[in-house]
Amino acid sequence: MARMPRIPRVATNHAGPIVGIDVETACPDHGAVCSIGVSVVLRGDVFREQQWFLDPGTRFDPRFIEIHGITPSMVAGKPSLRAAWGEVHAFIEAAVSATRPPTLFDGVDVGVGAGSGGDPEAIDPRALFVAHNAQFDRMQIERAIATPLPFRLACTVSMSRRAFPQLSRHNLKSVTSHLRIALRHHDALSDARACALIAHRCIAEGAGA
C-alpha cells in the first residue's frame, strides 16, 4: 500500500507568502475537479488570487451541484485541470516570485529556475502551501493532473487545532467564524483565501503544524 505524502511542519516564524488552495468536485469520483481556487496572502493581506472553472470530464452529481452551485453548462468548453495545470502552476510561481523584495541583481539573467536550485518546475521555497483537509485536495489534484504536486500542502485543520484548542469544531465554517474571516463556503476561491488567512492567523498565534 502506498504511503501518504508527509505533511510538512510549519515554522511558527514563517514570514513568507502563504498560498491557499481549494478544489470543488463534480461527483464522488477521484480527480473530478470542476473548480480550483488559489489565493496568495502576504503578511495577512491578499496579494494575488485566481479561480478556474474546469471540465472534470465526468458526470455531475446533483448533490454536489447543490453544494457548490457549479453546473455542467458553467464548465462547457473549459479545459480539464490536467490541461490547465501549466497555467495554474505558472500563476502560482509568478505570484510567489512577485512577493520577493527587489534585489541588487533584479533584471540580471542568471538562468532558468536559478531562484529555486535551477529546477524550472520548483516554486520559491519561501512559500507555504495550505489547504483545509489537505490530503483531500492533494489527492483530487494529483488524480486530475496524473502527477505528484511539486509542493507539499500543510493542513489548516491541524494548524487551527493547535492554535485554537478551545473550538469544538475545526471545519472551515467554524474556524472562519471564530476568526471573523469572510467566507462563501464551497466557492473554491473564497475557501482558498480563507485557508491562507487562517494559516496566517495560526502562525501569528505561534502555532505551526
N, C-alpha and C. Protein backbone atom coordinates (compact mmCIF):
# COMPACT_ATOMS: atom_id res chain seq x y z
N MET A 1 0.84 -1.20 0.00
CA MET A 1 0.00 0.00 0.00
C MET A 1 0.88 1.25 0.00
N ALA A 2 0.60 2.19 -0.90
CA ALA A 2 1.41 3.40 -1.00
C ALA A 2 1.25 4.26 0.25
N ARG A 3 2.36 4.83 0.69
CA ARG A 3 2.33 5.70 1.85
C ARG A 3 1.79 7.07 1.46
N MET A 4 1.03 7.68 2.36
CA MET A 4 0.53 9.02 2.11
C MET A 4 1.70 10.00 2.18
N PRO A 5 1.71 11.06 1.36
CA PRO A 5 2.80 12.03 1.41
C PRO A 5 2.85 12.71 2.77
N ARG A 6 4.07 12.98 3.22
CA ARG A 6 4.25 13.59 4.54
C ARG A 6 3.74 15.03 4.52
N ILE A 7 3.01 15.39 5.58
CA ILE A 7 2.54 16.76 5.72
C ILE A 7 3.65 17.58 6.36
N PRO A 8 4.02 18.71 5.75
CA PRO A 8 5.14 19.48 6.31
C PRO A 8 4.78 20.13 7.63
N ARG A 9 5.76 20.23 8.51
CA ARG A 9 5.60 21.02 9.71
C ARG A 9 5.82 22.48 9.34
N VAL A 10 5.08 23.36 9.97
CA VAL A 10 5.13 24.78 9.63
C VAL A 10 5.85 25.52 10.73
N ALA A 11 6.88 26.25 10.36
CA ALA A 11 7.63 27.03 11.34
C ALA A 11 6.75 28.15 11.89
N THR A 12 6.82 28.36 13.19
CA THR A 12 5.98 29.39 13.80
C THR A 12 6.47 30.79 13.49
N ASN A 13 7.65 30.90 12.87
CA ASN A 13 8.15 32.22 12.49
C ASN A 13 8.08 32.43 10.98
N HIS A 14 7.27 31.63 10.30
CA HIS A 14 7.15 31.77 8.84
C HIS A 14 6.67 33.16 8.49
N ALA A 15 7.41 33.85 7.60
CA ALA A 15 7.05 35.21 7.21
C ALA A 15 6.91 35.36 5.70
N GLY A 16 7.03 34.28 4.97
CA GLY A 16 6.93 34.34 3.52
C GLY A 16 5.49 34.28 3.05
N PRO A 17 5.29 34.20 1.75
CA PRO A 17 3.93 34.12 1.21
C PRO A 17 3.26 32.81 1.60
N ILE A 18 1.94 32.88 1.77
CA ILE A 18 1.12 31.71 2.06
C ILE A 18 0.17 31.51 0.89
N VAL A 19 0.18 30.32 0.33
CA VAL A 19 -0.64 30.01 -0.84
C VAL A 19 -1.76 29.06 -0.42
N GLY A 20 -2.99 29.58 -0.40
CA GLY A 20 -4.16 28.75 -0.11
C GLY A 20 -4.70 28.13 -1.37
N ILE A 21 -5.05 26.85 -1.31
CA ILE A 21 -5.57 26.12 -2.46
C ILE A 21 -6.82 25.37 -2.06
N ASP A 22 -7.83 25.41 -2.94
CA ASP A 22 -9.05 24.65 -2.68
C ASP A 22 -9.62 24.17 -4.01
N VAL A 23 -10.21 22.96 -4.00
CA VAL A 23 -10.88 22.46 -5.19
C VAL A 23 -12.32 22.09 -4.86
N GLU A 24 -13.16 22.18 -5.87
CA GLU A 24 -14.53 21.66 -5.81
C GLU A 24 -14.63 20.54 -6.84
N THR A 25 -15.41 19.53 -6.52
CA THR A 25 -15.51 18.37 -7.40
C THR A 25 -16.94 18.15 -7.88
N ALA A 26 -17.05 17.49 -9.02
CA ALA A 26 -18.35 17.31 -9.66
C ALA A 26 -19.14 16.13 -9.13
N CYS A 27 -18.42 15.16 -8.56
CA CYS A 27 -19.05 13.92 -8.10
C CYS A 27 -18.07 13.18 -7.20
N PRO A 28 -18.43 12.03 -6.67
CA PRO A 28 -17.50 11.32 -5.78
C PRO A 28 -16.26 10.74 -6.46
N ASP A 29 -16.22 10.71 -7.78
CA ASP A 29 -15.06 10.16 -8.48
C ASP A 29 -13.81 10.94 -8.13
N HIS A 30 -12.73 10.25 -7.84
CA HIS A 30 -11.47 10.92 -7.54
C HIS A 30 -10.93 11.65 -8.77
N GLY A 31 -10.54 12.89 -8.58
CA GLY A 31 -9.99 13.68 -9.68
C GLY A 31 -11.01 14.44 -10.50
N ALA A 32 -12.29 14.42 -10.07
CA ALA A 32 -13.35 15.09 -10.82
C ALA A 32 -13.42 16.57 -10.46
N VAL A 33 -12.31 17.27 -10.65
CA VAL A 33 -12.21 18.67 -10.24
C VAL A 33 -12.91 19.58 -11.23
N CYS A 34 -13.86 20.37 -10.74
CA CYS A 34 -14.59 21.29 -11.62
C CYS A 34 -14.26 22.75 -11.32
N SER A 35 -13.48 23.00 -10.27
CA SER A 35 -13.04 24.36 -9.97
C SER A 35 -11.85 24.28 -9.03
N ILE A 36 -10.90 25.19 -9.24
CA ILE A 36 -9.77 25.32 -8.32
C ILE A 36 -9.54 26.79 -8.04
N GLY A 37 -9.31 27.12 -6.79
CA GLY A 37 -9.01 28.48 -6.39
C GLY A 37 -7.64 28.55 -5.75
N VAL A 38 -6.91 29.62 -6.05
CA VAL A 38 -5.58 29.86 -5.48
C VAL A 38 -5.53 31.28 -4.95
N SER A 39 -5.15 31.43 -3.70
CA SER A 39 -5.04 32.76 -3.09
C SER A 39 -3.68 32.89 -2.42
N VAL A 40 -2.93 33.91 -2.80
CA VAL A 40 -1.61 34.16 -2.23
C VAL A 40 -1.73 35.31 -1.24
N VAL A 41 -1.41 35.02 0.02
CA VAL A 41 -1.50 36.00 1.10
C VAL A 41 -0.10 36.34 1.58
N LEU A 42 0.17 37.61 1.78
CA LEU A 42 1.47 38.06 2.27
C LEU A 42 1.25 38.98 3.46
N ARG A 43 1.80 38.59 4.60
CA ARG A 43 1.68 39.37 5.84
C ARG A 43 0.23 39.69 6.19
N GLY A 44 -0.65 38.75 5.94
CA GLY A 44 -2.04 38.89 6.33
C GLY A 44 -2.94 39.58 5.32
N ASP A 45 -2.40 39.99 4.18
CA ASP A 45 -3.18 40.65 3.14
C ASP A 45 -3.18 39.81 1.87
N VAL A 46 -4.31 39.80 1.18
CA VAL A 46 -4.38 39.08 -0.10
C VAL A 46 -3.50 39.80 -1.11
N PHE A 47 -2.58 39.06 -1.70
CA PHE A 47 -1.63 39.63 -2.65
C PHE A 47 -2.11 39.42 -4.09
N ARG A 48 -2.37 38.18 -4.44
CA ARG A 48 -2.94 37.84 -5.75
C ARG A 48 -3.78 36.58 -5.60
N GLU A 49 -4.79 36.46 -6.44
CA GLU A 49 -5.59 35.25 -6.39
C GLU A 49 -6.31 35.04 -7.71
N GLN A 50 -6.71 33.81 -7.96
CA GLN A 50 -7.41 33.49 -9.21
C GLN A 50 -8.19 32.20 -9.04
N GLN A 51 -9.27 32.09 -9.80
CA GLN A 51 -10.10 30.89 -9.80
C GLN A 51 -10.26 30.39 -11.22
N TRP A 52 -10.29 29.07 -11.38
CA TRP A 52 -10.51 28.45 -12.68
C TRP A 52 -11.71 27.52 -12.59
N PHE A 53 -12.61 27.60 -13.57
CA PHE A 53 -13.67 26.61 -13.72
C PHE A 53 -13.19 25.59 -14.75
N LEU A 54 -13.45 24.32 -14.49
CA LEU A 54 -12.81 23.25 -15.25
C LEU A 54 -13.80 22.16 -15.63
N ASP A 55 -13.54 21.55 -16.76
CA ASP A 55 -14.36 20.42 -17.20
C ASP A 55 -13.77 19.15 -16.57
N PRO A 56 -14.50 18.52 -15.65
CA PRO A 56 -13.95 17.34 -14.98
C PRO A 56 -13.93 16.09 -15.85
N GLY A 57 -14.60 16.15 -17.01
CA GLY A 57 -14.61 15.01 -17.91
C GLY A 57 -15.42 13.85 -17.39
N THR A 58 -16.35 14.13 -16.50
CA THR A 58 -17.19 13.08 -15.94
C THR A 58 -18.54 13.67 -15.58
N ARG A 59 -19.38 12.88 -14.97
CA ARG A 59 -20.74 13.30 -14.65
C ARG A 59 -20.75 14.31 -13.50
N PHE A 60 -21.82 15.07 -13.43
CA PHE A 60 -22.08 15.96 -12.29
C PHE A 60 -23.17 15.33 -11.43
N ASP A 61 -22.87 15.10 -10.18
CA ASP A 61 -23.83 14.56 -9.24
C ASP A 61 -24.71 15.71 -8.74
N PRO A 62 -26.03 15.60 -8.83
CA PRO A 62 -26.91 16.68 -8.37
C PRO A 62 -26.65 17.11 -6.93
N ARG A 63 -26.23 16.18 -6.09
CA ARG A 63 -25.94 16.52 -4.70
C ARG A 63 -24.75 17.45 -4.60
N PHE A 64 -23.79 17.27 -5.49
CA PHE A 64 -22.61 18.13 -5.47
C PHE A 64 -22.93 19.50 -6.05
N ILE A 65 -23.77 19.52 -7.08
CA ILE A 65 -24.20 20.81 -7.64
C ILE A 65 -24.90 21.63 -6.57
N GLU A 66 -25.70 20.96 -5.76
CA GLU A 66 -26.42 21.66 -4.68
C GLU A 66 -25.45 22.27 -3.67
N ILE A 67 -24.31 21.64 -3.47
CA ILE A 67 -23.32 22.13 -2.51
C ILE A 67 -22.58 23.36 -3.05
N HIS A 68 -22.04 23.25 -4.28
CA HIS A 68 -21.18 24.35 -4.76
C HIS A 68 -21.80 25.18 -5.88
N GLY A 69 -22.89 24.75 -6.45
CA GLY A 69 -23.59 25.56 -7.46
C GLY A 69 -22.98 25.52 -8.84
N ILE A 70 -21.97 24.69 -9.07
CA ILE A 70 -21.34 24.61 -10.39
C ILE A 70 -22.09 23.57 -11.22
N THR A 71 -22.49 23.95 -12.42
CA THR A 71 -23.27 23.09 -13.29
C THR A 71 -22.47 22.72 -14.54
N PRO A 72 -22.89 21.68 -15.26
CA PRO A 72 -22.19 21.32 -16.49
C PRO A 72 -22.10 22.48 -17.49
N SER A 73 -23.14 23.29 -17.58
CA SER A 73 -23.12 24.40 -18.54
C SER A 73 -22.07 25.44 -18.18
N MET A 74 -21.74 25.56 -16.90
CA MET A 74 -20.74 26.54 -16.47
C MET A 74 -19.32 26.14 -16.86
N VAL A 75 -19.10 24.85 -17.08
CA VAL A 75 -17.75 24.40 -17.42
C VAL A 75 -17.66 23.91 -18.87
N ALA A 76 -18.75 24.04 -19.61
CA ALA A 76 -18.74 23.62 -21.02
C ALA A 76 -17.67 24.39 -21.78
N GLY A 77 -16.82 23.69 -22.47
CA GLY A 77 -15.76 24.33 -23.24
C GLY A 77 -14.52 24.68 -22.44
N LYS A 78 -14.55 24.46 -21.13
CA LYS A 78 -13.39 24.75 -20.29
C LYS A 78 -12.41 23.58 -20.37
N PRO A 79 -11.13 23.83 -20.11
CA PRO A 79 -10.17 22.72 -20.10
C PRO A 79 -10.31 21.87 -18.84
N SER A 80 -9.75 20.70 -18.86
CA SER A 80 -9.64 19.90 -17.65
C SER A 80 -8.54 20.51 -16.78
N LEU A 81 -8.48 20.09 -15.51
CA LEU A 81 -7.39 20.58 -14.67
C LEU A 81 -6.05 20.14 -15.22
N ARG A 82 -6.01 18.93 -15.77
CA ARG A 82 -4.74 18.45 -16.35
C ARG A 82 -4.27 19.37 -17.46
N ALA A 83 -5.19 19.81 -18.31
CA ALA A 83 -4.83 20.71 -19.41
C ALA A 83 -4.50 22.11 -18.92
N ALA A 84 -5.14 22.53 -17.83
CA ALA A 84 -4.95 23.89 -17.31
C ALA A 84 -3.84 23.98 -16.28
N TRP A 85 -3.29 22.83 -15.87
CA TRP A 85 -2.34 22.85 -14.75
C TRP A 85 -1.12 23.72 -15.02
N GLY A 86 -0.64 23.74 -16.25
CA GLY A 86 0.50 24.59 -16.58
C GLY A 86 0.21 26.05 -16.28
N GLU A 87 -1.01 26.48 -16.61
CA GLU A 87 -1.41 27.87 -16.33
C GLU A 87 -1.54 28.11 -14.83
N VAL A 88 -2.12 27.16 -14.12
CA VAL A 88 -2.27 27.31 -12.67
C VAL A 88 -0.90 27.39 -12.01
N HIS A 89 -0.01 26.47 -12.39
CA HIS A 89 1.33 26.43 -11.83
C HIS A 89 2.08 27.73 -12.13
N ALA A 90 1.96 28.22 -13.37
CA ALA A 90 2.64 29.46 -13.75
C ALA A 90 2.11 30.65 -12.94
N PHE A 91 0.79 30.67 -12.69
CA PHE A 91 0.22 31.75 -11.88
C PHE A 91 0.81 31.72 -10.47
N ILE A 92 0.86 30.53 -9.86
CA ILE A 92 1.41 30.42 -8.51
C ILE A 92 2.86 30.87 -8.49
N GLU A 93 3.64 30.37 -9.43
CA GLU A 93 5.06 30.70 -9.48
C GLU A 93 5.29 32.20 -9.64
N ALA A 94 4.53 32.83 -10.54
CA ALA A 94 4.69 34.27 -10.77
C ALA A 94 4.24 35.08 -9.56
N ALA A 95 3.13 34.68 -8.94
CA ALA A 95 2.62 35.41 -7.78
C ALA A 95 3.59 35.32 -6.61
N VAL A 96 4.10 34.12 -6.35
CA VAL A 96 5.04 33.94 -5.24
C VAL A 96 6.33 34.71 -5.52
N SER A 97 6.82 34.64 -6.75
CA SER A 97 8.05 35.37 -7.11
C SER A 97 7.87 36.87 -6.94
N ALA A 98 6.67 37.37 -7.23
CA ALA A 98 6.41 38.80 -7.14
C ALA A 98 6.40 39.30 -5.69
N THR A 99 6.28 38.38 -4.72
CA THR A 99 6.31 38.81 -3.32
C THR A 99 7.73 39.05 -2.83
N ARG A 100 8.72 38.62 -3.60
CA ARG A 100 10.11 38.76 -3.18
C ARG A 100 10.55 40.22 -3.32
N PRO A 101 11.16 40.81 -2.30
CA PRO A 101 11.62 42.21 -2.39
C PRO A 101 12.66 42.35 -3.50
N PRO A 102 12.73 43.53 -4.12
CA PRO A 102 13.75 43.75 -5.15
C PRO A 102 15.16 43.53 -4.59
N THR A 103 16.04 43.03 -5.44
CA THR A 103 17.43 42.83 -5.03
C THR A 103 18.36 43.52 -6.01
N LEU A 104 19.63 43.52 -5.65
CA LEU A 104 20.65 44.16 -6.47
C LEU A 104 20.72 43.53 -7.85
N PHE A 105 20.35 42.23 -7.95
CA PHE A 105 20.53 41.50 -9.20
C PHE A 105 19.25 41.39 -10.01
N ASP A 106 18.21 42.14 -9.63
CA ASP A 106 16.99 42.10 -10.42
C ASP A 106 17.28 42.51 -11.87
N GLY A 107 16.72 41.74 -12.79
CA GLY A 107 16.91 42.04 -14.20
C GLY A 107 18.12 41.37 -14.80
N VAL A 108 18.94 40.72 -13.97
CA VAL A 108 20.11 40.02 -14.47
C VAL A 108 19.73 38.58 -14.77
N ASP A 109 19.98 38.11 -15.97
CA ASP A 109 19.63 36.75 -16.35
C ASP A 109 20.65 35.78 -15.78
N VAL A 110 20.22 35.00 -14.77
CA VAL A 110 21.14 34.06 -14.14
C VAL A 110 20.71 32.62 -14.43
N GLY A 111 19.85 32.43 -15.42
CA GLY A 111 19.48 31.07 -15.81
C GLY A 111 18.09 30.69 -15.33
N VAL A 112 17.45 29.79 -16.05
CA VAL A 112 16.10 29.36 -15.74
C VAL A 112 16.07 28.68 -14.38
N GLY A 113 15.12 29.10 -13.56
CA GLY A 113 14.92 28.43 -12.29
C GLY A 113 16.03 28.66 -11.29
N ALA A 114 16.86 29.69 -11.48
CA ALA A 114 18.00 29.89 -10.60
C ALA A 114 17.58 30.17 -9.18
N GLY A 115 16.41 30.79 -9.01
CA GLY A 115 15.95 31.10 -7.66
C GLY A 115 15.47 29.88 -6.91
N SER A 116 15.39 28.75 -7.58
CA SER A 116 14.89 27.56 -6.91
C SER A 116 15.77 26.35 -7.23
N GLY A 117 17.08 26.59 -7.21
CA GLY A 117 18.00 25.50 -7.39
C GLY A 117 18.13 25.04 -8.83
N GLY A 118 17.71 25.89 -9.79
CA GLY A 118 17.85 25.55 -11.19
C GLY A 118 16.75 24.67 -11.73
N ASP A 119 15.79 24.31 -10.93
CA ASP A 119 14.69 23.47 -11.37
C ASP A 119 13.54 24.34 -11.84
N PRO A 120 13.25 24.36 -13.15
CA PRO A 120 12.19 25.25 -13.66
C PRO A 120 10.82 24.90 -13.13
N GLU A 121 10.63 23.67 -12.58
CA GLU A 121 9.33 23.27 -12.05
C GLU A 121 9.18 23.62 -10.57
N ALA A 122 10.31 23.99 -9.91
CA ALA A 122 10.25 24.26 -8.48
C ALA A 122 9.69 25.64 -8.23
N ILE A 123 9.01 25.80 -7.09
CA ILE A 123 8.46 27.08 -6.68
C ILE A 123 9.24 27.57 -5.48
N ASP A 124 9.41 28.87 -5.41
CA ASP A 124 10.17 29.52 -4.35
C ASP A 124 9.94 28.83 -3.00
N PRO A 125 11.00 28.36 -2.36
CA PRO A 125 10.83 27.62 -1.09
C PRO A 125 10.35 28.49 0.07
N ARG A 126 10.29 29.80 -0.12
CA ARG A 126 9.75 30.66 0.95
C ARG A 126 8.24 30.47 1.10
N ALA A 127 7.60 29.93 0.09
CA ALA A 127 6.14 29.83 0.10
C ALA A 127 5.66 28.66 0.96
N LEU A 128 4.58 28.91 1.68
CA LEU A 128 3.89 27.87 2.44
C LEU A 128 2.58 27.58 1.73
N PHE A 129 2.33 26.33 1.40
CA PHE A 129 1.10 25.92 0.71
C PHE A 129 0.16 25.26 1.71
N VAL A 130 -1.09 25.70 1.71
CA VAL A 130 -2.05 25.19 2.70
C VAL A 130 -3.39 24.87 2.04
N ALA A 131 -4.10 23.94 2.68
CA ALA A 131 -5.47 23.61 2.30
C ALA A 131 -6.15 23.06 3.54
N HIS A 132 -7.47 23.15 3.57
CA HIS A 132 -8.23 22.61 4.69
C HIS A 132 -8.54 21.15 4.37
N ASN A 133 -8.14 20.25 5.26
CA ASN A 133 -8.15 18.81 4.94
C ASN A 133 -7.26 18.59 3.72
N ALA A 134 -5.98 18.91 3.90
CA ALA A 134 -5.03 18.97 2.79
C ALA A 134 -4.92 17.66 2.01
N GLN A 135 -5.06 16.52 2.68
CA GLN A 135 -4.92 15.27 1.96
C GLN A 135 -6.00 15.11 0.88
N PHE A 136 -7.20 15.63 1.16
CA PHE A 136 -8.28 15.55 0.17
C PHE A 136 -7.92 16.35 -1.07
N ASP A 137 -7.52 17.61 -0.89
CA ASP A 137 -7.20 18.45 -2.04
C ASP A 137 -6.01 17.89 -2.81
N ARG A 138 -5.00 17.41 -2.08
CA ARG A 138 -3.85 16.83 -2.76
C ARG A 138 -4.28 15.63 -3.62
N MET A 139 -5.06 14.74 -3.05
CA MET A 139 -5.48 13.56 -3.78
C MET A 139 -6.27 13.93 -5.03
N GLN A 140 -7.22 14.87 -4.87
CA GLN A 140 -8.05 15.27 -6.00
C GLN A 140 -7.22 15.90 -7.11
N ILE A 141 -6.29 16.77 -6.75
CA ILE A 141 -5.46 17.44 -7.76
C ILE A 141 -4.54 16.44 -8.44
N GLU A 142 -3.89 15.60 -7.66
CA GLU A 142 -2.94 14.66 -8.25
C GLU A 142 -3.64 13.63 -9.14
N ARG A 143 -4.84 13.22 -8.76
CA ARG A 143 -5.59 12.31 -9.64
C ARG A 143 -5.96 13.02 -10.94
N ALA A 144 -6.30 14.30 -10.83
CA ALA A 144 -6.73 15.05 -12.02
C ALA A 144 -5.58 15.34 -12.97
N ILE A 145 -4.39 15.64 -12.42
CA ILE A 145 -3.26 16.01 -13.29
C ILE A 145 -2.34 14.83 -13.58
N ALA A 146 -2.60 13.70 -12.90
CA ALA A 146 -1.85 12.46 -13.13
C ALA A 146 -0.36 12.60 -12.86
N THR A 147 -0.02 13.40 -11.87
CA THR A 147 1.38 13.54 -11.46
C THR A 147 1.41 14.13 -10.05
N PRO A 148 2.46 13.85 -9.28
CA PRO A 148 2.53 14.43 -7.93
C PRO A 148 2.65 15.96 -7.98
N LEU A 149 2.11 16.59 -6.97
CA LEU A 149 2.26 18.05 -6.86
C LEU A 149 3.72 18.40 -6.65
N PRO A 150 4.15 19.56 -7.17
CA PRO A 150 5.55 19.97 -7.00
C PRO A 150 5.80 20.68 -5.66
N PHE A 151 4.85 20.59 -4.76
CA PHE A 151 5.00 21.19 -3.43
C PHE A 151 4.17 20.37 -2.46
N ARG A 152 4.43 20.53 -1.16
CA ARG A 152 3.66 19.83 -0.13
C ARG A 152 2.62 20.78 0.44
N LEU A 153 1.50 20.22 0.84
CA LEU A 153 0.40 21.01 1.40
C LEU A 153 0.34 20.82 2.91
N ALA A 154 0.43 21.90 3.66
CA ALA A 154 0.17 21.85 5.09
C ALA A 154 -1.34 21.94 5.30
N CYS A 155 -1.81 21.40 6.41
CA CYS A 155 -3.25 21.32 6.66
C CYS A 155 -3.69 22.35 7.69
N THR A 156 -4.61 23.22 7.31
CA THR A 156 -5.09 24.24 8.23
C THR A 156 -6.02 23.67 9.30
N VAL A 157 -6.52 22.46 9.11
CA VAL A 157 -7.26 21.82 10.21
C VAL A 157 -6.30 21.55 11.37
N SER A 158 -5.17 20.94 11.04
CA SER A 158 -4.16 20.66 12.06
C SER A 158 -3.65 21.94 12.71
N MET A 159 -3.41 22.95 11.89
CA MET A 159 -2.91 24.22 12.43
C MET A 159 -3.92 24.87 13.37
N SER A 160 -5.20 24.85 12.98
CA SER A 160 -6.22 25.50 13.82
C SER A 160 -6.44 24.74 15.12
N ARG A 161 -6.28 23.42 15.09
CA ARG A 161 -6.41 22.65 16.33
C ARG A 161 -5.33 23.04 17.33
N ARG A 162 -4.14 23.31 16.84
CA ARG A 162 -3.05 23.73 17.73
C ARG A 162 -3.23 25.16 18.20
N ALA A 163 -3.69 26.03 17.29
CA ALA A 163 -3.80 27.45 17.62
C ALA A 163 -5.04 27.76 18.46
N PHE A 164 -6.14 27.04 18.20
CA PHE A 164 -7.42 27.36 18.85
C PHE A 164 -8.05 26.10 19.44
N PRO A 165 -7.41 25.51 20.45
CA PRO A 165 -7.91 24.25 21.02
C PRO A 165 -9.27 24.40 21.70
N GLN A 166 -9.68 25.64 21.97
CA GLN A 166 -10.97 25.86 22.63
C GLN A 166 -12.15 25.63 21.71
N LEU A 167 -11.91 25.59 20.40
CA LEU A 167 -13.01 25.37 19.46
C LEU A 167 -13.44 23.91 19.49
N SER A 168 -14.74 23.69 19.48
CA SER A 168 -15.25 22.32 19.48
C SER A 168 -15.17 21.68 18.10
N ARG A 169 -15.17 22.52 17.05
CA ARG A 169 -15.07 22.02 15.69
C ARG A 169 -14.03 22.85 14.94
N HIS A 170 -13.36 22.22 14.00
CA HIS A 170 -12.32 22.91 13.24
C HIS A 170 -12.57 22.83 11.74
N ASN A 171 -13.85 22.72 11.35
CA ASN A 171 -14.15 22.81 9.93
C ASN A 171 -14.01 24.27 9.49
N LEU A 172 -14.03 24.48 8.18
CA LEU A 172 -13.74 25.80 7.64
C LEU A 172 -14.73 26.86 8.13
N LYS A 173 -16.00 26.51 8.20
CA LYS A 173 -17.01 27.46 8.65
C LYS A 173 -16.79 27.86 10.10
N SER A 174 -16.45 26.88 10.95
CA SER A 174 -16.25 27.17 12.37
C SER A 174 -15.04 28.06 12.60
N VAL A 175 -13.93 27.74 11.92
CA VAL A 175 -12.70 28.49 12.15
C VAL A 175 -12.82 29.91 11.59
N THR A 176 -13.40 30.05 10.39
CA THR A 176 -13.55 31.40 9.83
C THR A 176 -14.51 32.23 10.66
N SER A 177 -15.54 31.62 11.20
CA SER A 177 -16.46 32.34 12.07
C SER A 177 -15.74 32.83 13.31
N HIS A 178 -14.92 31.98 13.91
CA HIS A 178 -14.17 32.35 15.10
C HIS A 178 -13.22 33.51 14.82
N LEU A 179 -12.59 33.48 13.65
CA LEU A 179 -11.59 34.49 13.30
C LEU A 179 -12.19 35.68 12.54
N ARG A 180 -13.50 35.63 12.31
CA ARG A 180 -14.20 36.70 11.58
C ARG A 180 -13.61 36.92 10.20
N ILE A 181 -13.35 35.81 9.53
CA ILE A 181 -12.88 35.84 8.15
C ILE A 181 -14.08 35.59 7.25
N ALA A 182 -14.30 36.46 6.28
CA ALA A 182 -15.43 36.30 5.37
C ALA A 182 -15.29 35.00 4.59
N LEU A 183 -16.41 34.31 4.40
CA LEU A 183 -16.38 33.03 3.70
C LEU A 183 -17.66 32.81 2.92
N ARG A 184 -17.50 32.46 1.65
CA ARG A 184 -18.60 31.93 0.85
C ARG A 184 -18.27 30.46 0.63
N HIS A 185 -18.74 29.63 1.54
CA HIS A 185 -18.28 28.25 1.59
C HIS A 185 -18.62 27.48 0.32
N HIS A 186 -17.66 26.66 -0.09
CA HIS A 186 -17.73 25.82 -1.29
C HIS A 186 -17.61 26.64 -2.58
N ASP A 187 -17.16 27.88 -2.44
CA ASP A 187 -16.63 28.62 -3.59
C ASP A 187 -15.12 28.43 -3.49
N ALA A 188 -14.51 27.85 -4.51
CA ALA A 188 -13.10 27.46 -4.41
C ALA A 188 -12.18 28.63 -4.07
N LEU A 189 -12.43 29.80 -4.65
CA LEU A 189 -11.57 30.93 -4.37
C LEU A 189 -11.76 31.45 -2.95
N SER A 190 -13.00 31.55 -2.51
CA SER A 190 -13.26 32.00 -1.15
C SER A 190 -12.66 31.04 -0.12
N ASP A 191 -12.80 29.75 -0.37
CA ASP A 191 -12.24 28.75 0.54
C ASP A 191 -10.72 28.81 0.55
N ALA A 192 -10.10 28.99 -0.62
CA ALA A 192 -8.64 29.08 -0.70
C ALA A 192 -8.14 30.31 0.06
N ARG A 193 -8.83 31.43 -0.13
CA ARG A 193 -8.46 32.66 0.57
C ARG A 193 -8.56 32.47 2.08
N ALA A 194 -9.66 31.85 2.50
CA ALA A 194 -9.86 31.61 3.93
C ALA A 194 -8.75 30.74 4.50
N CYS A 195 -8.34 29.70 3.76
CA CYS A 195 -7.27 28.81 4.23
C CYS A 195 -5.97 29.59 4.45
N ALA A 196 -5.62 30.44 3.48
CA ALA A 196 -4.38 31.20 3.61
C ALA A 196 -4.45 32.17 4.79
N LEU A 197 -5.60 32.81 4.99
CA LEU A 197 -5.75 33.75 6.11
C LEU A 197 -5.76 33.02 7.45
N ILE A 198 -6.37 31.84 7.48
CA ILE A 198 -6.33 31.03 8.71
C ILE A 198 -4.89 30.67 9.05
N ALA A 199 -4.14 30.22 8.05
CA ALA A 199 -2.74 29.86 8.29
C ALA A 199 -1.95 31.04 8.85
N HIS A 200 -2.19 32.22 8.28
CA HIS A 200 -1.51 33.42 8.78
C HIS A 200 -1.84 33.67 10.25
N ARG A 201 -3.12 33.55 10.60
CA ARG A 201 -3.54 33.80 11.97
C ARG A 201 -2.98 32.73 12.92
N CYS A 202 -2.94 31.49 12.46
CA CYS A 202 -2.39 30.41 13.29
C CYS A 202 -0.91 30.65 13.57
N ILE A 203 -0.18 31.05 12.56
CA ILE A 203 1.24 31.33 12.74
C ILE A 203 1.42 32.50 13.69
N ALA A 204 0.56 33.53 13.56
CA ALA A 204 0.63 34.68 14.47
C ALA A 204 0.38 34.27 15.93
N GLU A 205 -0.39 33.18 16.10
CA GLU A 205 -0.66 32.66 17.43
C GLU A 205 0.47 31.76 17.94
N GLY A 206 1.49 31.59 17.10
CA GLY A 206 2.61 30.74 17.49
C GLY A 206 2.36 29.27 17.29
N ALA A 207 1.41 28.94 16.43
CA ALA A 207 1.06 27.54 16.20
C ALA A 207 1.34 27.15 14.76
N GLY A 208 2.37 26.34 14.58
CA GLY A 208 2.61 25.76 13.28
C GLY A 208 1.80 24.49 13.16
N ALA A 209 2.26 23.58 12.33
CA ALA A 209 1.52 22.33 12.19
C ALA A 209 2.38 21.15 12.57
